[in-house]
Amino acid sequence: MPEEIVLIQPRSFAMSTACSGTLSSLNWRNATEQKQAVDRHQGLTVGMVSLAFADDAIAGRYIESSDPGCNYWKPEKPEDEGWFGLSINEIDGLPVFGWVRREVAPCP
């Protein structure tokens, strides 16, 4: 019997002080497992936004602070509709916010 695929569902969230974690209705052990789930089973398009490209005051506040929190950062959502937050990770010492949405199939 094939394994049942549980689709990721959007849920509300507030930016945490930790600047990391999974925001979806599913949890993964690591980033590789998360990416595989998104690519293979979920039919999601991924958009990443780094704090490095945020307003200078926000990026500077994070870089200059000894506090790892980033609850003041509001990652910009990609254009179009249907995007929801999936995860917050750190890459090269800065938070990166992962937006996803269901892939939109063109009308025949």
C-alpha atoms as a PDB file:
ATOM      1  CA  MET A   1       0.000   0.000   0.000  1.00  0.00           C
ATOM      2  CA  PRO A   2       1.525   3.385  -0.964  1.00  0.00           C
ATOM      3  CA  GLU A   3       2.469   5.772   1.788  1.00  0.00           C
ATOM      4  CA  GLU A   4      -0.103   8.512   2.331  1.00  0.00           C
ATOM      5  CA  ILE A   5       1.238  11.955   1.492  1.00  0.00           C
ATOM      6  CA  VAL A   6       0.260  14.580   4.029  1.00  0.00           C
ATOM      7  CA  LEU A   7       0.284  17.965   2.306  1.00  0.00           C
ATOM      8  CA  ILE A   8       1.901  20.893   4.049  1.00  0.00           C
ATOM      9  CA  GLN A   9      -0.779  23.292   5.222  1.00  0.00           C
ATOM     10  CA  PRO A  10      -0.305  27.000   5.869  1.00  0.00           C
ATOM     11  CA  ARG A  11      -0.594  28.118   9.461  1.00  0.00           C
ATOM     12  CA  SER A  12      -0.242  31.446  11.145  1.00  0.00           C
ATOM     13  CA  PHE A  13       2.987  32.335  12.863  1.00  0.00           C
ATOM     14  CA  ALA A  14       4.843  35.170  14.496  1.00  0.00           C
ATOM     15  CA  MET A  15       8.531  35.676  13.850  1.00  0.00           C
ATOM     16  CA  SER A  16      10.299  33.969  16.742  1.00  0.00           C
ATOM     17  CA  THR A  17      13.121  35.397  18.730  1.00  0.00           C
ATOM     18  CA  ALA A  18      15.228  32.377  17.757  1.00  0.00           C
ATOM     19  CA  CYS A  19      15.226  33.092  13.986  1.00  0.00           C
ATOM     20  CA  SER A  20      14.990  29.413  13.127  1.00  0.00           C
ATOM     21  CA  GLY A  21      12.448  26.666  12.864  1.00  0.00           C
ATOM     22  CA  THR A  22       9.709  25.117  10.770  1.00  0.00           C
ATOM     23  CA  LEU A  23       6.502  27.073  10.308  1.00  0.00           C
ATOM     24  CA  SER A  24       4.498  24.460   8.430  1.00  0.00           C
ATOM     25  CA  SER A  25       2.225  21.776   9.789  1.00  0.00           C
ATOM     26  CA  LEU A  26       4.990  19.173   9.357  1.00  0.00           C
ATOM     27  CA  ASN A  27       8.374  18.843  11.030  1.00  0.00           C
ATOM     28  CA  TRP A  28      11.607  17.522   9.536  1.00  0.00           C
ATOM     29  CA  ARG A  29      14.817  16.270  11.059  1.00  0.00           C
ATOM     30  CA  ASN A  30      17.006  18.380   8.766  1.00  0.00           C
ATOM     31  CA  ALA A  31      17.036  20.725   5.773  1.00  0.00           C
ATOM     32  CA  THR A  32      17.752  17.935   3.279  1.00  0.00           C
ATOM     33  CA  GLU A  33      14.660  16.026   4.379  1.00  0.00           C
ATOM     34  CA  GLN A  34      12.635  19.236   4.143  1.00  0.00           C
ATOM     35  CA  LYS A  35      13.840  19.972   0.603  1.00  0.00           C
ATOM     36  CA  GLN A  36      13.156  16.405  -0.524  1.00  0.00           C
ATOM     37  CA  ALA A  37       9.601  16.565   0.835  1.00  0.00           C
ATOM     38  CA  VAL A  38       8.972  19.842  -0.948  1.00  0.00           C
ATOM     39  CA  ASP A  39      10.510  18.693  -4.243  1.00  0.00           C
ATOM     40  CA  ARG A  40       9.119  15.176  -4.515  1.00  0.00           C
ATOM     41  CA  HIS A  41       5.791  15.062  -2.809  1.00  0.00           C
ATOM     42  CA  GLN A  42       4.380  18.424  -2.084  1.00  0.00           C
ATOM     43  CA  GLY A  43       4.254  20.136  -5.464  1.00  0.00           C
ATOM     44  CA  LEU A  44       5.502  23.393  -3.986  1.00  0.00           C
ATOM     45  CA  THR A  45       7.451  26.280  -5.445  1.00  0.00           C
ATOM     46  CA  VAL A  46      10.056  27.678  -3.035  1.00  0.00           C
ATOM     47  CA  GLY A  47      11.082  31.322  -2.646  1.00  0.00           C
ATOM     48  CA  MET A  48      13.874  32.303  -0.258  1.00  0.00           C
ATOM     49  CA  VAL A  49      14.384  35.746   1.291  1.00  0.00           C
ATOM     50  CA  SER A  50      17.578  36.578   3.186  1.00  0.00           C
ATOM     51  CA  LEU A  51      17.869  39.169   5.920  1.00  0.00           C
ATOM     52  CA  ALA A  52      21.025  40.233   4.038  1.00  0.00           C
ATOM     53  CA  PHE A  53      18.735  41.945   1.506  1.00  0.00           C
ATOM     54  CA  ALA A  54      16.495  43.602   4.081  1.00  0.00           C
ATOM     55  CA  ASP A  55      16.518  47.332   4.762  1.00  0.00           C
ATOM     56  CA  ASP A  56      19.995  48.423   5.947  1.00  0.00           C
ATOM     57  CA  ALA A  57      18.680  49.355   9.404  1.00  0.00           C
ATOM     58  CA  ILE A  58      17.186  45.889   9.936  1.00  0.00           C
ATOM     59  CA  ALA A  59      20.170  43.957   8.567  1.00  0.00           C
ATOM     60  CA  GLY A  60      22.549  46.170  10.541  1.00  0.00           C
ATOM     61  CA  ARG A  61      20.575  45.665  13.738  1.00  0.00           C
ATOM     62  CA  TYR A  62      20.912  41.897  13.397  1.00  0.00           C
ATOM     63  CA  ILE A  63      24.599  41.949  12.413  1.00  0.00           C
ATOM     64  CA  GLU A  64      25.618  44.358  15.187  1.00  0.00           C
ATOM     65  CA  SER A  65      23.595  42.662  17.930  1.00  0.00           C
ATOM     66  CA  SER A  66      24.801  39.890  20.188  1.00  0.00           C
ATOM     67  CA  ASP A  67      21.146  38.780  20.447  1.00  0.00           C
ATOM     68  CA  PRO A  68      20.311  36.152  17.797  1.00  0.00           C
ATOM     69  CA  GLY A  69      16.649  37.203  17.679  1.00  0.00           C
ATOM     70  CA  CYS A  70      15.017  38.655  14.574  1.00  0.00           C
ATOM     71  CA  ASN A  71      11.372  39.075  15.565  1.00  0.00           C
ATOM     72  CA  TYR A  72      11.522  42.668  14.199  1.00  0.00           C
ATOM     73  CA  TRP A  73      12.227  41.391  10.647  1.00  0.00           C
ATOM     74  CA  LYS A  74       9.237  41.062   8.325  1.00  0.00           C
ATOM     75  CA  PRO A  75      10.447  38.996   5.323  1.00  0.00           C
ATOM     76  CA  GLU A  76       8.982  40.263   2.067  1.00  0.00           C
ATOM     77  CA  LYS A  77       6.539  37.814   0.508  1.00  0.00           C
ATOM     78  CA  PRO A  78       7.102  37.014  -3.196  1.00  0.00           C
ATOM     79  CA  GLU A  79       4.718  38.534  -5.702  1.00  0.00           C
ATOM     80  CA  ASP A  80       1.530  36.715  -6.699  1.00  0.00           C
ATOM     81  CA  GLU A  81      -0.840  34.938  -4.354  1.00  0.00           C
ATOM     82  CA  GLY A  82      -0.760  31.734  -2.353  1.00  0.00           C
ATOM     83  CA  TRP A  83       2.627  32.058  -0.612  1.00  0.00           C
ATOM     84  CA  PHE A  84       3.005  30.939   3.001  1.00  0.00           C
ATOM     85  CA  GLY A  85       5.953  30.636   5.355  1.00  0.00           C
ATOM     86  CA  LEU A  86       7.680  27.252   5.559  1.00  0.00           C
ATOM     87  CA  SER A  87      10.860  27.741   7.572  1.00  0.00           C
ATOM     88  CA  ILE A  88      13.489  30.092   8.922  1.00  0.00           C
ATOM     89  CA  ASN A  89      17.081  28.897   8.651  1.00  0.00           C
ATOM     90  CA  GLU A  90      20.524  30.422   8.967  1.00  0.00           C
ATOM     91  CA  ILE A  91      22.837  30.564   5.960  1.00  0.00           C
ATOM     92  CA  ASP A  92      26.241  32.244   6.170  1.00  0.00           C
ATOM     93  CA  GLY A  93      25.359  33.649   9.591  1.00  0.00           C
ATOM     94  CA  LEU A  94      22.134  35.381   8.521  1.00  0.00           C
ATOM     95  CA  PRO A  95      18.495  34.287   8.741  1.00  0.00           C
ATOM     96  CA  VAL A  96      16.828  33.104   5.518  1.00  0.00           C
ATOM     97  CA  PHE A  97      13.052  32.839   5.323  1.00  0.00           C
ATOM     98  CA  GLY A  98      11.516  30.158   3.105  1.00  0.00           C
ATOM     99  CA  TRP A  99       8.235  30.975   1.369  1.00  0.00           C
ATOM    100  CA  VAL A 100       6.341  28.255  -0.528  1.00  0.00           C
ATOM    101  CA  ARG A 101       3.178  27.939  -2.570  1.00  0.00           C
ATOM    102  CA  ARG A 102       1.447  25.204  -4.497  1.00  0.00           C
ATOM    103  CA  GLU A 103       2.715  24.957  -8.052  1.00  0.00           C
ATOM    104  CA  VAL A 104       0.293  26.594 -10.428  1.00  0.00           C
ATOM    105  CA  ALA A 105      -0.418  24.473 -13.496  1.00  0.00           C
ATOM    106  CA  PRO A 106      -1.205  26.390 -16.693  1.00  0.00           C
ATOM    107  CA  CYS A 107      -4.728  26.047 -18.027  1.00  0.00           C
ATOM    108  CA  PRO A 108      -4.937  23.798 -21.109  1.00  0.00           C
END
